[in-house]
Amino acid sequence: MSKQGNKTGILYLIPTSLGEEDIDHIWPAGHRQLVDSLDIFIVENVRTARRFLRRAGYTKNFDGVIFNVLDKRTADHDLLSFLQPNLSGCHTGLLSEAGSPCIADPGQKVVALAHKHHIRVTPLTGPSSIMLALMASGMNGQHFQFHGYLPIEKSDRLKKIREIEDESMRTGVTQIFMETPYRNNALVEDLTRHCKPGTQICIAADLTRESEYILTQSAAQWKQSGLPQLHKRPAIFLLWA
């Protein structure tokens, strides 16, 4: 466990893969050596974090590695303990379950706390499904808004869809959102049935995987061409009116 003398250690934000793609496709060459030097991590799930690290070439024995779990059950008052190693001069790594940390991800709470305690935060280059979908959508990349998950109840979801469509028509801002994979098909049906015919809808599924699917069409074109099967496929949705 390397220390930096009297300096605080760095909190590295480590992007993980979106699927089972080769690590060389998502990480610059220097990431492997840096990540392999760490033995303290903040993760959402220890099992998946270990699996990813091994696939990424991590060589240390996990028996000597510390994994602090940050998920929806983690209390805010526990977060500072995750950063104690940094305050003592050790570097740590924050991993997301998929893609880049702190984007649609609980890691932002730790990063905010790190800044409060003057701990250096260093983001590493890697994939973000939200940014990849926006890049490939052909929609407005200058002005965009991410909504996270839309409401579960159908009436509330339709109301939200109308709201963001109206906002896009008024401002030209691309609207980005996601859904739990097993509810993808219901969301797409709502979008194509209830959006105005000319509203552009992008579906970006299985990003970076061999089964990757990205297509932007108007609501009217989606109705005519038919909808892809998205059940249990991770996807990002974009709307531009």
C-alpha atoms as a PDB file:
ATOM      1  CA  MET A   1       0.000   0.000   0.000  1.00  0.00           C
ATOM      2  CA  SER A   2       1.924   3.019  -1.264  1.00  0.00           C
ATOM      3  CA  LYS A   3       1.759   6.294   0.671  1.00  0.00           C
ATOM      4  CA  GLN A   4       2.499   9.858  -0.347  1.00  0.00           C
ATOM      5  CA  GLY A   5       4.267  11.089   2.773  1.00  0.00           C
ATOM      6  CA  ASN A   6       2.187  13.808   4.400  1.00  0.00           C
ATOM      7  CA  LYS A   7       0.094  14.324   1.268  1.00  0.00           C
ATOM      8  CA  THR A   8      -3.398  12.962   0.830  1.00  0.00           C
ATOM      9  CA  GLY A   9      -3.771  10.051  -1.561  1.00  0.00           C
ATOM     10  CA  ILE A  10      -5.551  10.360  -4.905  1.00  0.00           C
ATOM     11  CA  LEU A  11      -9.075   9.085  -5.476  1.00  0.00           C
ATOM     12  CA  TYR A  12      -9.027   7.525  -8.954  1.00  0.00           C
ATOM     13  CA  LEU A  13     -12.335   7.207 -10.810  1.00  0.00           C
ATOM     14  CA  ILE A  14     -11.991   3.948 -12.734  1.00  0.00           C
ATOM     15  CA  PRO A  15     -14.326   3.209 -15.659  1.00  0.00           C
ATOM     16  CA  THR A  16     -15.440  -0.386 -16.165  1.00  0.00           C
ATOM     17  CA  SER A  17     -16.697  -2.154 -19.271  1.00  0.00           C
ATOM     18  CA  LEU A  18     -20.301  -1.983 -20.461  1.00  0.00           C
ATOM     19  CA  GLY A  19     -20.236  -5.636 -21.484  1.00  0.00           C
ATOM     20  CA  GLU A  20     -17.656  -8.373 -21.957  1.00  0.00           C
ATOM     21  CA  GLU A  21     -15.546  -6.483 -24.489  1.00  0.00           C
ATOM     22  CA  ASP A  22     -11.746  -6.723 -24.429  1.00  0.00           C
ATOM     23  CA  ILE A  23     -10.296  -4.353 -21.845  1.00  0.00           C
ATOM     24  CA  ASP A  24      -7.894  -3.004 -24.478  1.00  0.00           C
ATOM     25  CA  HIS A  25     -10.906  -1.567 -26.305  1.00  0.00           C
ATOM     26  CA  ILE A  26     -11.923   0.654 -23.374  1.00  0.00           C
ATOM     27  CA  TRP A  27      -8.729   1.474 -21.439  1.00  0.00           C
ATOM     28  CA  PRO A  28      -5.597   3.308 -22.561  1.00  0.00           C
ATOM     29  CA  ALA A  29      -2.471   1.243 -21.980  1.00  0.00           C
ATOM     30  CA  GLY A  30      -1.411   3.104 -18.838  1.00  0.00           C
ATOM     31  CA  HIS A  31      -4.547   2.229 -16.862  1.00  0.00           C
ATOM     32  CA  ARG A  32      -3.498  -1.377 -16.189  1.00  0.00           C
ATOM     33  CA  GLN A  33      -0.340  -0.511 -14.282  1.00  0.00           C
ATOM     34  CA  LEU A  34      -2.049   2.237 -12.305  1.00  0.00           C
ATOM     35  CA  VAL A  35      -5.016   0.096 -11.251  1.00  0.00           C
ATOM     36  CA  ASP A  36      -2.727  -2.825 -10.405  1.00  0.00           C
ATOM     37  CA  SER A  37      -0.908  -0.559  -7.925  1.00  0.00           C
ATOM     38  CA  LEU A  38      -4.073  -0.012  -5.881  1.00  0.00           C
ATOM     39  CA  ASP A  39      -5.272  -2.236  -3.054  1.00  0.00           C
ATOM     40  CA  ILE A  40      -8.233  -0.194  -1.776  1.00  0.00           C
ATOM     41  CA  PHE A  41     -11.411   0.168  -3.818  1.00  0.00           C
ATOM     42  CA  ILE A  42     -14.896   1.633  -3.434  1.00  0.00           C
ATOM     43  CA  VAL A  43     -17.396  -0.496  -5.367  1.00  0.00           C
ATOM     44  CA  GLU A  44     -21.111  -1.189  -5.722  1.00  0.00           C
ATOM     45  CA  ASN A  45     -20.735  -4.965  -5.719  1.00  0.00           C
ATOM     46  CA  VAL A  46     -17.610  -6.807  -4.561  1.00  0.00           C
ATOM     47  CA  ARG A  47     -18.173  -9.881  -6.725  1.00  0.00           C
ATOM     48  CA  THR A  48     -18.575  -8.013 -10.005  1.00  0.00           C
ATOM     49  CA  ALA A  49     -15.729  -5.657  -9.117  1.00  0.00           C
ATOM     50  CA  ARG A  50     -13.373  -8.571  -8.525  1.00  0.00           C
ATOM     51  CA  ARG A  51     -14.448 -10.219 -11.770  1.00  0.00           C
ATOM     52  CA  PHE A  52     -13.833  -7.044 -13.734  1.00  0.00           C
ATOM     53  CA  LEU A  53     -10.448  -6.400 -12.126  1.00  0.00           C
ATOM     54  CA  ARG A  54      -9.243  -9.911 -12.935  1.00  0.00           C
ATOM     55  CA  ARG A  55     -10.409  -9.520 -16.539  1.00  0.00           C
ATOM     56  CA  ALA A  56      -8.536  -6.212 -16.633  1.00  0.00           C
ATOM     57  CA  GLY A  57      -5.301  -7.944 -15.605  1.00  0.00           C
ATOM     58  CA  TYR A  58      -5.262  -7.134 -11.881  1.00  0.00           C
ATOM     59  CA  THR A  59      -2.629  -9.376 -10.307  1.00  0.00           C
ATOM     60  CA  LYS A  60      -2.879  -8.893  -6.541  1.00  0.00           C
ATOM     61  CA  ASN A  61      -4.337 -11.462  -4.160  1.00  0.00           C
ATOM     62  CA  PHE A  62      -7.819 -10.291  -3.213  1.00  0.00           C
ATOM     63  CA  ASP A  63      -7.302 -11.504   0.347  1.00  0.00           C
ATOM     64  CA  GLY A  64      -5.149  -8.437   0.879  1.00  0.00           C
ATOM     65  CA  VAL A  65      -7.408  -6.002  -0.957  1.00  0.00           C
ATOM     66  CA  ILE A  66      -9.983  -3.777   0.757  1.00  0.00           C
ATOM     67  CA  PHE A  67     -13.373  -3.342  -0.892  1.00  0.00           C
ATOM     68  CA  ASN A  68     -15.702  -0.716   0.577  1.00  0.00           C
ATOM     69  CA  VAL A  69     -19.276  -1.162  -0.649  1.00  0.00           C
ATOM     70  CA  LEU A  70     -21.183   1.893  -1.848  1.00  0.00           C
ATOM     71  CA  ASP A  71     -24.749   1.054  -2.829  1.00  0.00           C
ATOM     72  CA  LYS A  72     -28.281   2.241  -2.083  1.00  0.00           C
ATOM     73  CA  ARG A  73     -28.051   0.823   1.460  1.00  0.00           C
ATOM     74  CA  THR A  74     -24.831   2.678   2.360  1.00  0.00           C
ATOM     75  CA  ALA A  75     -25.467   5.379   4.946  1.00  0.00           C
ATOM     76  CA  ASP A  76     -24.075   8.849   4.249  1.00  0.00           C
ATOM     77  CA  HIS A  77     -22.281   8.882   7.591  1.00  0.00           C
ATOM     78  CA  ASP A  78     -20.220   5.852   6.485  1.00  0.00           C
ATOM     79  CA  LEU A  79     -18.781   7.582   3.432  1.00  0.00           C
ATOM     80  CA  LEU A  80     -16.004   9.437   5.200  1.00  0.00           C
ATOM     81  CA  SER A  81     -14.583   6.130   6.433  1.00  0.00           C
ATOM     82  CA  PHE A  82     -14.098   5.132   2.775  1.00  0.00           C
ATOM     83  CA  LEU A  83     -11.785   8.117   2.350  1.00  0.00           C
ATOM     84  CA  GLN A  84      -9.725   7.609   5.500  1.00  0.00           C
ATOM     85  CA  PRO A  85      -6.983   5.816   3.522  1.00  0.00           C
ATOM     86  CA  ASN A  86      -6.712   8.878   1.254  1.00  0.00           C
ATOM     87  CA  LEU A  87      -6.444  11.165   4.264  1.00  0.00           C
ATOM     88  CA  SER A  88      -3.637   8.890   5.494  1.00  0.00           C
ATOM     89  CA  GLY A  89      -1.793   9.225   2.181  1.00  0.00           C
ATOM     90  CA  CYS A  90      -2.954   6.117   0.281  1.00  0.00           C
ATOM     91  CA  HIS A  91      -4.424   6.083  -3.218  1.00  0.00           C
ATOM     92  CA  THR A  92      -7.843   4.435  -3.737  1.00  0.00           C
ATOM     93  CA  GLY A  93     -10.007   3.553  -6.711  1.00  0.00           C
ATOM     94  CA  LEU A  94     -13.737   4.109  -7.238  1.00  0.00           C
ATOM     95  CA  LEU A  95     -15.420   1.721  -9.685  1.00  0.00           C
ATOM     96  CA  SER A  96     -18.881   1.842 -11.219  1.00  0.00           C
ATOM     97  CA  GLU A  97     -20.881  -1.304 -11.950  1.00  0.00           C
ATOM     98  CA  ALA A  98     -20.785  -0.403 -15.650  1.00  0.00           C
ATOM     99  CA  GLY A  99     -19.161   2.469 -17.490  1.00  0.00           C
ATOM    100  CA  SER A 100     -17.865   5.667 -15.951  1.00  0.00           C
ATOM    101  CA  PRO A 101     -18.211   6.363 -12.216  1.00  0.00           C
ATOM    102  CA  CYS A 102     -20.476   9.145 -10.936  1.00  0.00           C
ATOM    103  CA  ILE A 103     -22.632   9.375 -14.080  1.00  0.00           C
ATOM    104  CA  ALA A 104     -26.020   7.886 -13.188  1.00  0.00           C
ATOM    105  CA  ASP A 105     -24.048   6.298 -10.368  1.00  0.00           C
ATOM    106  CA  PRO A 106     -23.901   6.754  -6.557  1.00  0.00           C
ATOM    107  CA  GLY A 107     -20.169   7.459  -6.578  1.00  0.00           C
ATOM    108  CA  GLN A 108     -20.750  11.201  -6.844  1.00  0.00           C
ATOM    109  CA  LYS A 109     -21.391  11.332  -3.074  1.00  0.00           C
ATOM    110  CA  VAL A 110     -17.870  10.097  -2.361  1.00  0.00           C
ATOM    111  CA  VAL A 111     -16.356  12.489  -4.895  1.00  0.00           C
ATOM    112  CA  ALA A 112     -18.211  15.445  -3.375  1.00  0.00           C
ATOM    113  CA  LEU A 113     -16.886  14.449   0.046  1.00  0.00           C
ATOM    114  CA  ALA A 114     -13.371  14.083  -1.350  1.00  0.00           C
ATOM    115  CA  HIS A 115     -13.430  17.654  -2.615  1.00  0.00           C
ATOM    116  CA  LYS A 116     -14.669  18.845   0.771  1.00  0.00           C
ATOM    117  CA  HIS A 117     -11.639  17.253   2.416  1.00  0.00           C
ATOM    118  CA  HIS A 118      -9.181  18.478  -0.251  1.00  0.00           C
ATOM    119  CA  ILE A 119      -8.530  15.000  -1.632  1.00  0.00           C
ATOM    120  CA  ARG A 120      -7.368  15.055  -5.237  1.00  0.00           C
ATOM    121  CA  VAL A 121      -9.834  13.382  -7.621  1.00  0.00           C
ATOM    122  CA  THR A 122      -8.524  11.988 -10.920  1.00  0.00           C
ATOM    123  CA  PRO A 123     -10.984  10.613 -13.527  1.00  0.00           C
ATOM    124  CA  LEU A 124      -9.622   7.946 -15.872  1.00  0.00           C
ATOM    125  CA  THR A 125     -10.674   7.668 -19.494  1.00  0.00           C
ATOM    126  CA  GLY A 126     -13.284   5.039 -20.350  1.00  0.00           C
ATOM    127  CA  PRO A 127     -16.771   4.377 -21.705  1.00  0.00           C
ATOM    128  CA  SER A 128     -19.997   6.116 -20.705  1.00  0.00           C
ATOM    129  CA  SER A 129     -23.157   4.666 -22.239  1.00  0.00           C
ATOM    130  CA  ILE A 130     -24.842   8.073 -22.020  1.00  0.00           C
ATOM    131  CA  MET A 131     -22.078   9.868 -23.915  1.00  0.00           C
ATOM    132  CA  LEU A 132     -21.654   7.071 -26.465  1.00  0.00           C
ATOM    133  CA  ALA A 133     -25.387   7.104 -27.195  1.00  0.00           C
ATOM    134  CA  LEU A 134     -25.418  10.882 -27.599  1.00  0.00           C
ATOM    135  CA  MET A 135     -22.389  10.774 -29.904  1.00  0.00           C
ATOM    136  CA  ALA A 136     -24.066   8.209 -32.156  1.00  0.00           C
ATOM    137  CA  SER A 137     -27.579   9.665 -32.118  1.00  0.00           C
ATOM    138  CA  GLY A 138     -27.196  12.539 -34.564  1.00  0.00           C
ATOM    139  CA  MET A 139     -29.026  14.735 -32.068  1.00  0.00           C
ATOM    140  CA  ASN A 140     -28.022  18.029 -30.464  1.00  0.00           C
ATOM    141  CA  GLY A 141     -24.718  17.441 -28.691  1.00  0.00           C
ATOM    142  CA  GLN A 142     -24.333  21.061 -27.623  1.00  0.00           C
ATOM    143  CA  HIS A 143     -27.367  21.129 -25.360  1.00  0.00           C
ATOM    144  CA  PHE A 144     -28.676  17.970 -23.696  1.00  0.00           C
ATOM    145  CA  GLN A 145     -30.328  16.843 -20.470  1.00  0.00           C
ATOM    146  CA  PHE A 146     -30.181  13.484 -18.714  1.00  0.00           C
ATOM    147  CA  HIS A 147     -33.275  12.438 -16.745  1.00  0.00           C
ATOM    148  CA  GLY A 148     -32.192   9.057 -15.397  1.00  0.00           C
ATOM    149  CA  TYR A 149     -35.129   6.677 -15.082  1.00  0.00           C
ATOM    150  CA  LEU A 150     -38.611   7.768 -16.111  1.00  0.00           C
ATOM    151  CA  PRO A 151     -41.532   7.061 -13.734  1.00  0.00           C
ATOM    152  CA  ILE A 152     -42.648   3.434 -13.393  1.00  0.00           C
ATOM    153  CA  GLU A 153     -46.407   4.074 -13.359  1.00  0.00           C
ATOM    154  CA  LYS A 154     -47.708   4.330 -16.915  1.00  0.00           C
ATOM    155  CA  SER A 155     -49.751   7.510 -16.398  1.00  0.00           C
ATOM    156  CA  ASP A 156     -46.792   9.246 -14.747  1.00  0.00           C
ATOM    157  CA  ARG A 157     -44.434   7.995 -17.449  1.00  0.00           C
ATOM    158  CA  LEU A 158     -46.647   9.322 -20.250  1.00  0.00           C
ATOM    159  CA  LYS A 159     -46.890  12.669 -18.491  1.00  0.00           C
ATOM    160  CA  LYS A 160     -43.091  12.832 -18.230  1.00  0.00           C
ATOM    161  CA  ILE A 161     -42.668  11.888 -21.900  1.00  0.00           C
ATOM    162  CA  ARG A 162     -45.002  14.708 -22.922  1.00  0.00           C
ATOM    163  CA  GLU A 163     -43.123  17.125 -20.675  1.00  0.00           C
ATOM    164  CA  ILE A 164     -39.689  16.350 -22.071  1.00  0.00           C
ATOM    165  CA  GLU A 165     -40.990  16.330 -25.659  1.00  0.00           C
ATOM    166  CA  ASP A 166     -42.529  19.765 -25.128  1.00  0.00           C
ATOM    167  CA  GLU A 167     -39.286  20.991 -23.568  1.00  0.00           C
ATOM    168  CA  SER A 168     -37.256  19.709 -26.510  1.00  0.00           C
ATOM    169  CA  MET A 169     -39.621  21.371 -28.983  1.00  0.00           C
ATOM    170  CA  ARG A 170     -39.325  24.651 -27.100  1.00  0.00           C
ATOM    171  CA  THR A 171     -35.557  24.633 -26.470  1.00  0.00           C
ATOM    172  CA  GLY A 172     -33.980  22.216 -28.958  1.00  0.00           C
ATOM    173  CA  VAL A 173     -32.352  20.318 -26.090  1.00  0.00           C
ATOM    174  CA  THR A 174     -31.752  16.586 -26.549  1.00  0.00           C
ATOM    175  CA  GLN A 175     -33.501  14.581 -23.832  1.00  0.00           C
ATOM    176  CA  ILE A 176     -31.706  11.451 -22.586  1.00  0.00           C
ATOM    177  CA  PHE A 177     -33.108   8.776 -20.282  1.00  0.00           C
ATOM    178  CA  MET A 178     -32.924   5.089 -19.444  1.00  0.00           C
ATOM    179  CA  GLU A 179     -35.056   2.235 -18.196  1.00  0.00           C
ATOM    180  CA  THR A 180     -34.679  -0.994 -16.265  1.00  0.00           C
ATOM    181  CA  PRO A 181     -33.913  -3.517 -19.046  1.00  0.00           C
ATOM    182  CA  TYR A 182     -36.998  -5.674 -18.474  1.00  0.00           C
ATOM    183  CA  ARG A 183     -39.234  -2.605 -18.997  1.00  0.00           C
ATOM    184  CA  ASN A 184     -37.523  -1.380 -22.174  1.00  0.00           C
ATOM    185  CA  ASN A 185     -40.165  -2.655 -24.577  1.00  0.00           C
ATOM    186  CA  ALA A 186     -43.005  -0.936 -22.714  1.00  0.00           C
ATOM    187  CA  LEU A 187     -41.101   2.356 -22.723  1.00  0.00           C
ATOM    188  CA  VAL A 188     -40.405   2.233 -26.459  1.00  0.00           C
ATOM    189  CA  GLU A 189     -44.050   1.461 -27.197  1.00  0.00           C
ATOM    190  CA  ASP A 190     -45.093   4.488 -25.154  1.00  0.00           C
ATOM    191  CA  LEU A 191     -42.583   6.693 -26.947  1.00  0.00           C
ATOM    192  CA  THR A 192     -43.630   5.689 -30.435  1.00  0.00           C
ATOM    193  CA  ARG A 193     -47.364   5.773 -29.698  1.00  0.00           C
ATOM    194  CA  HIS A 194     -47.543   9.046 -27.802  1.00  0.00           C
ATOM    195  CA  CYS A 195     -44.792  11.246 -29.263  1.00  0.00           C
ATOM    196  CA  LYS A 196     -45.543  13.506 -32.216  1.00  0.00           C
ATOM    197  CA  PRO A 197     -44.867  11.837 -35.598  1.00  0.00           C
ATOM    198  CA  GLY A 198     -41.830  14.002 -36.354  1.00  0.00           C
ATOM    199  CA  THR A 199     -40.123  13.637 -32.974  1.00  0.00           C
ATOM    200  CA  GLN A 200     -36.761  11.895 -33.329  1.00  0.00           C
ATOM    201  CA  ILE A 201     -36.202   8.877 -31.081  1.00  0.00           C
ATOM    202  CA  CYS A 202     -32.850   7.136 -30.741  1.00  0.00           C
ATOM    203  CA  ILE A 203     -32.518   3.652 -29.297  1.00  0.00           C
ATOM    204  CA  ALA A 204     -28.968   2.677 -28.289  1.00  0.00           C
ATOM    205  CA  ALA A 205     -28.729  -0.857 -26.880  1.00  0.00           C
ATOM    206  CA  ASP A 206     -25.849  -3.167 -25.936  1.00  0.00           C
ATOM    207  CA  LEU A 207     -23.296  -0.408 -26.438  1.00  0.00           C
ATOM    208  CA  THR A 208     -19.725  -1.642 -27.127  1.00  0.00           C
ATOM    209  CA  ARG A 209     -20.939  -5.250 -27.417  1.00  0.00           C
ATOM    210  CA  GLU A 210     -21.079  -7.382 -30.567  1.00  0.00           C
ATOM    211  CA  SER A 211     -24.876  -7.089 -30.438  1.00  0.00           C
ATOM    212  CA  GLU A 212     -24.720  -3.264 -30.362  1.00  0.00           C
ATOM    213  CA  TYR A 213     -27.796  -1.596 -31.844  1.00  0.00           C
ATOM    214  CA  ILE A 214     -28.092   2.158 -32.475  1.00  0.00           C
ATOM    215  CA  LEU A 215     -30.771   3.737 -34.648  1.00  0.00           C
ATOM    216  CA  THR A 216     -32.439   7.149 -34.764  1.00  0.00           C
ATOM    217  CA  GLN A 217     -35.799   7.551 -36.486  1.00  0.00           C
ATOM    218  CA  SER A 218     -38.923   9.653 -36.139  1.00  0.00           C
ATOM    219  CA  ALA A 219     -41.798   8.260 -34.102  1.00  0.00           C
ATOM    220  CA  ALA A 220     -43.699   7.748 -37.357  1.00  0.00           C
ATOM    221  CA  GLN A 221     -40.795   5.812 -38.899  1.00  0.00           C
ATOM    222  CA  TRP A 222     -40.503   3.595 -35.823  1.00  0.00           C
ATOM    223  CA  LYS A 223     -44.193   2.723 -36.138  1.00  0.00           C
ATOM    224  CA  GLN A 224     -43.730   1.835 -39.779  1.00  0.00           C
ATOM    225  CA  SER A 225     -40.498  -0.146 -39.461  1.00  0.00           C
ATOM    226  CA  GLY A 226     -41.306  -1.954 -36.231  1.00  0.00           C
ATOM    227  CA  LEU A 227     -39.506  -1.987 -32.904  1.00  0.00           C
ATOM    228  CA  PRO A 228     -36.400  -3.960 -31.908  1.00  0.00           C
ATOM    229  CA  GLN A 229     -36.605  -6.570 -29.168  1.00  0.00           C
ATOM    230  CA  LEU A 230     -35.027  -4.867 -26.150  1.00  0.00           C
ATOM    231  CA  HIS A 231     -36.097  -7.101 -23.266  1.00  0.00           C
ATOM    232  CA  LYS A 232     -33.257  -7.376 -20.725  1.00  0.00           C
ATOM    233  CA  ARG A 233     -30.838  -5.457 -22.988  1.00  0.00           C
ATOM    234  CA  PRO A 234     -29.134  -2.406 -21.391  1.00  0.00           C
ATOM    235  CA  ALA A 235     -30.226   0.613 -23.392  1.00  0.00           C
ATOM    236  CA  ILE A 236     -30.164   4.406 -23.513  1.00  0.00           C
ATOM    237  CA  PHE A 237     -32.992   6.399 -25.095  1.00  0.00           C
ATOM    238  CA  LEU A 238     -32.810   9.867 -26.620  1.00  0.00           C
ATOM    239  CA  LEU A 239     -35.579  12.201 -27.785  1.00  0.00           C
ATOM    240  CA  TRP A 240     -35.266  15.317 -29.908  1.00  0.00           C
ATOM    241  CA  ALA A 241     -38.294  17.223 -31.135  1.00  0.00           C
END
